[in-house]
N, C-alpha and C. Protein backbone atom coordinates (compact mmCIF):
# COMPACT_ATOMS: atom_id res chain seq x y z
N UNK A 1 -32.69 -17.32 -79.80
CA UNK A 1 -32.71 -16.80 -78.46
C UNK A 1 -33.34 -17.83 -77.53
N UNK A 2 -32.67 -18.15 -76.45
CA UNK A 2 -33.16 -19.12 -75.48
C UNK A 2 -34.08 -18.42 -74.49
N UNK A 3 -35.22 -19.07 -74.23
CA UNK A 3 -36.16 -18.49 -73.28
C UNK A 3 -35.72 -18.79 -71.86
N UNK A 4 -36.03 -17.88 -70.95
CA UNK A 4 -35.66 -18.04 -69.55
C UNK A 4 -36.44 -19.21 -68.95
N UNK A 5 -35.94 -19.79 -67.87
CA UNK A 5 -36.69 -20.86 -67.18
C UNK A 5 -38.09 -20.41 -66.77
N UNK A 6 -38.24 -19.15 -66.40
CA UNK A 6 -39.56 -18.64 -66.00
C UNK A 6 -40.52 -18.67 -67.18
N UNK A 7 -40.06 -18.25 -68.35
CA UNK A 7 -40.91 -18.25 -69.54
C UNK A 7 -41.27 -19.68 -69.92
N UNK A 8 -40.30 -20.58 -69.89
CA UNK A 8 -40.56 -21.99 -70.19
C UNK A 8 -41.61 -22.55 -69.23
N UNK A 9 -41.49 -22.24 -67.95
CA UNK A 9 -42.44 -22.74 -66.95
C UNK A 9 -43.84 -22.18 -67.19
N UNK A 10 -43.93 -20.90 -67.54
CA UNK A 10 -45.23 -20.29 -67.81
C UNK A 10 -45.88 -20.89 -69.05
N UNK A 11 -45.09 -21.12 -70.09
CA UNK A 11 -45.63 -21.75 -71.30
C UNK A 11 -46.14 -23.16 -70.98
N UNK A 12 -45.37 -23.92 -70.24
CA UNK A 12 -45.82 -25.26 -69.85
C UNK A 12 -47.12 -25.19 -69.07
N UNK A 13 -47.23 -24.23 -68.15
CA UNK A 13 -48.45 -24.09 -67.36
C UNK A 13 -49.63 -23.69 -68.23
N UNK A 14 -49.42 -22.78 -69.18
CA UNK A 14 -50.49 -22.35 -70.09
C UNK A 14 -50.98 -23.52 -70.92
N UNK A 15 -50.06 -24.28 -71.49
CA UNK A 15 -50.45 -25.44 -72.31
C UNK A 15 -51.16 -26.49 -71.47
N UNK A 16 -50.73 -26.65 -70.24
CA UNK A 16 -51.39 -27.58 -69.32
C UNK A 16 -52.83 -27.11 -69.06
N UNK A 17 -52.99 -25.81 -68.85
CA UNK A 17 -54.32 -25.25 -68.60
C UNK A 17 -55.25 -25.45 -69.80
N UNK A 18 -54.70 -25.45 -71.00
CA UNK A 18 -55.50 -25.64 -72.21
C UNK A 18 -55.79 -27.11 -72.52
N UNK A 19 -55.17 -28.01 -71.79
CA UNK A 19 -55.39 -29.45 -72.00
C UNK A 19 -56.86 -29.78 -71.68
N UNK A 20 -57.54 -30.51 -72.57
CA UNK A 20 -58.95 -30.84 -72.34
C UNK A 20 -59.20 -31.57 -71.00
N UNK A 21 -58.29 -32.41 -70.58
CA UNK A 21 -58.47 -33.11 -69.30
C UNK A 21 -58.46 -32.11 -68.15
N UNK A 22 -57.55 -31.16 -68.19
CA UNK A 22 -57.46 -30.15 -67.13
C UNK A 22 -58.69 -29.25 -67.17
N UNK A 23 -59.08 -28.79 -68.37
CA UNK A 23 -60.22 -27.88 -68.50
C UNK A 23 -61.54 -28.50 -68.08
N UNK A 24 -61.61 -29.82 -68.11
CA UNK A 24 -62.86 -30.47 -67.70
C UNK A 24 -62.91 -30.71 -66.20
N UNK A 25 -61.87 -30.34 -65.48
CA UNK A 25 -61.82 -30.54 -64.03
C UNK A 25 -61.66 -29.20 -63.31
N UNK A 26 -62.65 -28.85 -62.51
CA UNK A 26 -62.54 -27.64 -61.71
C UNK A 26 -61.35 -27.69 -60.77
N UNK A 27 -61.07 -28.86 -60.24
CA UNK A 27 -59.94 -29.00 -59.31
C UNK A 27 -58.61 -28.78 -60.02
N UNK A 28 -58.42 -29.40 -61.18
CA UNK A 28 -57.16 -29.24 -61.91
C UNK A 28 -57.00 -27.81 -62.44
N UNK A 29 -58.08 -27.24 -62.95
CA UNK A 29 -58.02 -25.87 -63.43
C UNK A 29 -57.75 -24.91 -62.27
N UNK A 30 -58.47 -25.10 -61.18
CA UNK A 30 -58.31 -24.24 -60.02
C UNK A 30 -56.90 -24.23 -59.47
N UNK A 31 -56.20 -25.36 -59.61
CA UNK A 31 -54.82 -25.45 -59.12
C UNK A 31 -53.87 -24.57 -59.92
N UNK A 32 -54.31 -24.10 -61.10
CA UNK A 32 -53.47 -23.25 -61.94
C UNK A 32 -53.87 -21.77 -61.90
N UNK A 33 -54.94 -21.45 -61.19
CA UNK A 33 -55.42 -20.07 -61.14
C UNK A 33 -55.04 -19.41 -59.82
N UNK A 34 -54.51 -18.21 -59.93
CA UNK A 34 -54.17 -17.41 -58.76
C UNK A 34 -55.45 -17.09 -57.98
N UNK A 35 -55.41 -16.99 -56.66
CA UNK A 35 -56.62 -16.66 -55.89
C UNK A 35 -57.28 -15.35 -56.36
N UNK A 36 -56.51 -14.42 -56.90
CA UNK A 36 -57.06 -13.14 -57.36
C UNK A 36 -57.21 -13.10 -58.89
N UNK A 37 -57.29 -14.25 -59.52
CA UNK A 37 -57.42 -14.35 -60.98
C UNK A 37 -58.55 -13.47 -61.50
N UNK A 38 -58.25 -12.79 -62.61
CA UNK A 38 -59.24 -12.01 -63.34
C UNK A 38 -58.98 -12.22 -64.83
N UNK A 39 -60.06 -12.07 -65.63
CA UNK A 39 -59.92 -12.21 -67.08
C UNK A 39 -60.92 -11.32 -67.79
N UNK A 40 -60.53 -10.91 -68.99
CA UNK A 40 -61.42 -10.25 -69.93
C UNK A 40 -61.52 -11.19 -71.12
N UNK A 41 -62.68 -11.82 -71.27
CA UNK A 41 -62.84 -12.82 -72.31
C UNK A 41 -62.97 -12.22 -73.69
N UNK A 42 -62.76 -13.05 -74.70
CA UNK A 42 -62.88 -12.59 -76.09
C UNK A 42 -64.31 -12.18 -76.41
N UNK A 43 -65.27 -12.60 -75.59
CA UNK A 43 -66.66 -12.20 -75.74
C UNK A 43 -66.93 -10.82 -75.15
N UNK A 44 -65.96 -10.31 -74.38
CA UNK A 44 -66.14 -9.04 -73.67
C UNK A 44 -66.54 -9.22 -72.22
N UNK A 45 -66.82 -10.45 -71.84
CA UNK A 45 -67.23 -10.73 -70.46
C UNK A 45 -66.05 -10.63 -69.50
N UNK A 46 -66.32 -10.16 -68.29
CA UNK A 46 -65.33 -10.14 -67.22
C UNK A 46 -65.50 -11.40 -66.38
N UNK A 47 -64.37 -11.99 -66.00
CA UNK A 47 -64.39 -13.23 -65.23
C UNK A 47 -63.53 -13.06 -63.98
N UNK A 48 -63.90 -13.79 -62.94
CA UNK A 48 -63.01 -13.95 -61.79
C UNK A 48 -62.82 -15.44 -61.60
N UNK A 49 -62.08 -15.81 -60.60
CA UNK A 49 -61.74 -17.22 -60.38
C UNK A 49 -63.00 -18.08 -60.22
N UNK A 50 -63.90 -17.62 -59.39
CA UNK A 50 -65.12 -18.39 -59.10
C UNK A 50 -65.98 -18.55 -60.36
N UNK A 51 -66.18 -17.47 -61.10
CA UNK A 51 -67.07 -17.53 -62.26
C UNK A 51 -66.48 -18.38 -63.39
N UNK A 52 -65.17 -18.32 -63.59
CA UNK A 52 -64.58 -19.12 -64.67
C UNK A 52 -64.62 -20.60 -64.33
N UNK A 53 -64.40 -20.93 -63.06
CA UNK A 53 -64.48 -22.35 -62.66
C UNK A 53 -65.91 -22.87 -62.80
N UNK A 54 -66.88 -22.06 -62.45
CA UNK A 54 -68.28 -22.48 -62.60
C UNK A 54 -68.63 -22.66 -64.07
N UNK A 55 -68.17 -21.77 -64.94
CA UNK A 55 -68.49 -21.85 -66.36
C UNK A 55 -67.86 -23.08 -67.00
N UNK A 56 -66.64 -23.40 -66.63
CA UNK A 56 -65.97 -24.55 -67.23
C UNK A 56 -66.69 -25.86 -66.93
N UNK A 57 -67.38 -25.93 -65.81
CA UNK A 57 -68.08 -27.16 -65.47
C UNK A 57 -69.45 -27.26 -66.13
N UNK A 58 -69.94 -26.17 -66.76
CA UNK A 58 -71.26 -26.21 -67.38
C UNK A 58 -71.22 -26.26 -68.90
N UNK A 59 -70.06 -25.98 -69.51
CA UNK A 59 -69.95 -25.99 -70.97
C UNK A 59 -69.75 -27.41 -71.49
N UNK A 60 -69.80 -27.53 -72.83
CA UNK A 60 -69.52 -28.80 -73.49
C UNK A 60 -68.17 -29.32 -73.02
N UNK A 61 -68.03 -30.64 -72.96
CA UNK A 61 -66.71 -31.18 -72.59
C UNK A 61 -65.64 -30.63 -73.52
N UNK A 62 -64.57 -30.04 -72.97
CA UNK A 62 -63.52 -29.46 -73.82
C UNK A 62 -62.90 -30.46 -74.78
N UNK A 63 -62.90 -31.74 -74.43
CA UNK A 63 -62.28 -32.74 -75.31
C UNK A 63 -63.01 -32.80 -76.65
N UNK A 64 -64.31 -32.45 -76.65
CA UNK A 64 -65.07 -32.47 -77.89
C UNK A 64 -64.61 -31.36 -78.84
N UNK A 65 -64.07 -30.29 -78.31
CA UNK A 65 -63.61 -29.16 -79.11
C UNK A 65 -62.31 -28.63 -78.52
N UNK A 66 -61.17 -29.27 -78.80
CA UNK A 66 -59.92 -28.81 -78.21
C UNK A 66 -59.53 -27.41 -78.69
N UNK A 67 -58.78 -26.72 -77.85
CA UNK A 67 -58.25 -25.40 -78.18
C UNK A 67 -56.89 -25.58 -78.84
N UNK A 68 -56.70 -24.93 -80.00
CA UNK A 68 -55.39 -24.98 -80.64
C UNK A 68 -54.71 -23.62 -80.45
N UNK A 69 -53.39 -23.65 -80.31
CA UNK A 69 -52.62 -22.43 -80.11
C UNK A 69 -51.58 -22.27 -81.21
N UNK A 70 -51.27 -21.01 -81.52
CA UNK A 70 -50.19 -20.70 -82.45
C UNK A 70 -49.45 -19.47 -81.94
N UNK A 71 -48.17 -19.41 -82.30
CA UNK A 71 -47.37 -18.22 -82.04
C UNK A 71 -47.14 -17.86 -80.59
N UNK A 72 -47.08 -18.86 -79.70
CA UNK A 72 -46.90 -18.53 -78.29
C UNK A 72 -45.50 -17.97 -78.05
N UNK A 73 -45.47 -16.84 -77.37
CA UNK A 73 -44.22 -16.15 -77.07
C UNK A 73 -44.31 -15.60 -75.65
N UNK A 74 -43.20 -15.63 -74.93
CA UNK A 74 -43.20 -15.12 -73.57
C UNK A 74 -42.06 -14.17 -73.30
N UNK A 75 -42.28 -13.31 -72.30
CA UNK A 75 -41.25 -12.39 -71.84
C UNK A 75 -41.37 -12.28 -70.32
N UNK A 76 -40.22 -12.30 -69.67
CA UNK A 76 -40.19 -12.18 -68.22
C UNK A 76 -40.21 -10.68 -67.88
N UNK A 77 -41.32 -10.22 -67.31
CA UNK A 77 -41.49 -8.80 -67.00
C UNK A 77 -40.80 -8.41 -65.69
N UNK A 78 -40.74 -9.35 -64.76
CA UNK A 78 -40.13 -9.15 -63.44
C UNK A 78 -39.72 -10.53 -62.95
N UNK A 79 -38.95 -10.61 -61.86
CA UNK A 79 -38.46 -11.92 -61.42
C UNK A 79 -39.54 -12.98 -61.21
N UNK A 80 -40.77 -12.60 -60.91
CA UNK A 80 -41.81 -13.59 -60.66
C UNK A 80 -43.06 -13.34 -61.50
N UNK A 81 -42.87 -12.72 -62.67
CA UNK A 81 -44.00 -12.38 -63.52
C UNK A 81 -43.64 -12.57 -64.99
N UNK A 82 -44.45 -13.36 -65.70
CA UNK A 82 -44.22 -13.65 -67.12
C UNK A 82 -45.47 -13.29 -67.90
N UNK A 83 -45.27 -12.62 -69.04
CA UNK A 83 -46.34 -12.31 -69.97
C UNK A 83 -46.23 -13.23 -71.17
N UNK A 84 -47.32 -13.93 -71.47
CA UNK A 84 -47.39 -14.77 -72.67
C UNK A 84 -48.37 -14.13 -73.65
N UNK A 85 -48.06 -14.20 -74.94
CA UNK A 85 -49.00 -13.79 -75.98
C UNK A 85 -49.07 -14.92 -77.00
N UNK A 86 -50.26 -15.14 -77.53
CA UNK A 86 -50.48 -16.23 -78.48
C UNK A 86 -51.86 -16.09 -79.09
N UNK A 87 -52.14 -16.90 -80.10
CA UNK A 87 -53.45 -16.95 -80.72
C UNK A 87 -54.06 -18.32 -80.45
N UNK A 88 -55.39 -18.34 -80.38
CA UNK A 88 -56.11 -19.61 -80.24
C UNK A 88 -57.22 -19.71 -81.28
N UNK A 89 -57.59 -20.96 -81.53
CA UNK A 89 -58.77 -21.26 -82.32
C UNK A 89 -59.54 -22.31 -81.54
N UNK A 90 -60.84 -22.03 -81.34
CA UNK A 90 -61.70 -22.96 -80.60
C UNK A 90 -63.09 -22.91 -81.23
N UNK A 91 -63.53 -24.02 -81.77
CA UNK A 91 -64.83 -24.12 -82.43
C UNK A 91 -65.01 -23.05 -83.50
N UNK A 92 -63.93 -22.79 -84.27
CA UNK A 92 -64.01 -21.84 -85.36
C UNK A 92 -63.85 -20.38 -84.96
N UNK A 93 -63.65 -20.11 -83.68
CA UNK A 93 -63.48 -18.74 -83.19
C UNK A 93 -62.00 -18.52 -82.88
N UNK A 94 -61.45 -17.45 -83.45
CA UNK A 94 -60.04 -17.11 -83.25
C UNK A 94 -59.92 -15.98 -82.24
N UNK A 95 -58.86 -15.99 -81.44
CA UNK A 95 -58.62 -14.90 -80.48
C UNK A 95 -57.13 -14.68 -80.29
N UNK A 96 -56.75 -13.39 -80.23
CA UNK A 96 -55.41 -13.02 -79.76
C UNK A 96 -55.50 -13.07 -78.24
N UNK A 97 -54.50 -13.64 -77.59
CA UNK A 97 -54.57 -13.81 -76.14
C UNK A 97 -53.29 -13.33 -75.46
N UNK A 98 -53.45 -12.88 -74.23
CA UNK A 98 -52.31 -12.56 -73.38
C UNK A 98 -52.61 -13.09 -71.99
N UNK A 99 -51.59 -13.65 -71.36
CA UNK A 99 -51.71 -14.21 -70.02
C UNK A 99 -50.55 -13.73 -69.17
N UNK A 100 -50.85 -13.36 -67.94
CA UNK A 100 -49.81 -13.01 -66.98
C UNK A 100 -49.75 -14.13 -65.95
N UNK A 101 -48.59 -14.75 -65.86
CA UNK A 101 -48.35 -15.84 -64.93
C UNK A 101 -47.45 -15.33 -63.80
N UNK A 102 -47.84 -15.61 -62.57
CA UNK A 102 -47.11 -15.13 -61.39
C UNK A 102 -46.63 -16.32 -60.57
N UNK A 103 -45.36 -16.28 -60.21
CA UNK A 103 -44.81 -17.32 -59.33
C UNK A 103 -45.30 -17.03 -57.92
N UNK A 104 -46.10 -17.96 -57.39
CA UNK A 104 -46.74 -17.79 -56.08
C UNK A 104 -46.53 -19.06 -55.27
N UNK A 105 -45.86 -18.94 -54.14
CA UNK A 105 -45.59 -20.11 -53.28
C UNK A 105 -44.95 -21.25 -54.07
N UNK A 106 -44.03 -20.90 -54.95
CA UNK A 106 -43.28 -21.90 -55.70
C UNK A 106 -44.00 -22.48 -56.91
N UNK A 107 -45.20 -21.97 -57.24
CA UNK A 107 -45.96 -22.48 -58.40
C UNK A 107 -46.32 -21.32 -59.32
N UNK A 108 -46.31 -21.58 -60.62
CA UNK A 108 -46.75 -20.58 -61.59
C UNK A 108 -48.26 -20.63 -61.69
N UNK A 109 -48.91 -19.51 -61.36
CA UNK A 109 -50.37 -19.41 -61.37
C UNK A 109 -50.80 -18.30 -62.32
N UNK A 110 -51.90 -18.54 -63.02
CA UNK A 110 -52.44 -17.55 -63.94
C UNK A 110 -53.09 -16.44 -63.13
N UNK A 111 -52.55 -15.22 -63.28
CA UNK A 111 -53.04 -14.07 -62.53
C UNK A 111 -54.05 -13.26 -63.35
N UNK A 112 -53.76 -13.07 -64.64
CA UNK A 112 -54.65 -12.28 -65.50
C UNK A 112 -54.61 -12.84 -66.91
N UNK A 113 -55.77 -12.80 -67.58
CA UNK A 113 -55.85 -13.28 -68.96
C UNK A 113 -56.78 -12.37 -69.74
N UNK A 114 -56.43 -12.13 -71.01
CA UNK A 114 -57.30 -11.36 -71.89
C UNK A 114 -57.34 -11.99 -73.26
N UNK A 115 -58.53 -12.05 -73.83
CA UNK A 115 -58.71 -12.54 -75.19
C UNK A 115 -59.41 -11.48 -76.04
N UNK A 116 -58.98 -11.35 -77.29
CA UNK A 116 -59.59 -10.42 -78.21
C UNK A 116 -59.90 -11.19 -79.49
N UNK A 117 -61.18 -11.31 -79.81
CA UNK A 117 -61.59 -12.05 -81.00
C UNK A 117 -61.07 -11.37 -82.26
N UNK A 118 -60.75 -12.19 -83.27
CA UNK A 118 -60.32 -11.67 -84.56
C UNK A 118 -60.65 -12.69 -85.63
N UNK A 119 -60.62 -12.25 -86.87
CA UNK A 119 -60.79 -13.15 -88.00
C UNK A 119 -59.42 -13.29 -88.66
N UNK A 120 -59.04 -14.51 -89.01
CA UNK A 120 -57.70 -14.72 -89.59
C UNK A 120 -57.43 -13.85 -90.82
N UNK A 121 -58.45 -13.55 -91.59
CA UNK A 121 -58.27 -12.75 -92.80
C UNK A 121 -57.85 -11.31 -92.47
N UNK A 122 -58.20 -10.83 -91.28
CA UNK A 122 -57.93 -9.43 -90.92
C UNK A 122 -56.77 -9.30 -89.95
N UNK A 123 -56.10 -10.37 -89.65
CA UNK A 123 -55.06 -10.35 -88.61
C UNK A 123 -53.79 -9.71 -89.07
């Protein structure tokens, strides 16, 4: 099954957002986040655009601990909305993830993200 151009664009944007170079830059990360971005982290913490950008600049450099992804899949929910689901591993912590990407002013921006921690043995 061929993925729609919207799903392909959202996957590219998600992978770009996970790139260590992008994650280490508030400017590059901010360019991918919708102004109304919200997230529920795998830790249970709630995030908004401002708080996630502030946190990314205070943590260890992402290049030291890259995020790996598996099983990324997307579905176009509406003409300008894509849902991605995938798993990540970062510093030994695994999470099931979902991201909603919205086409806004001609760019795909992350509107909502949720992570749920899991152990590979129980998945």
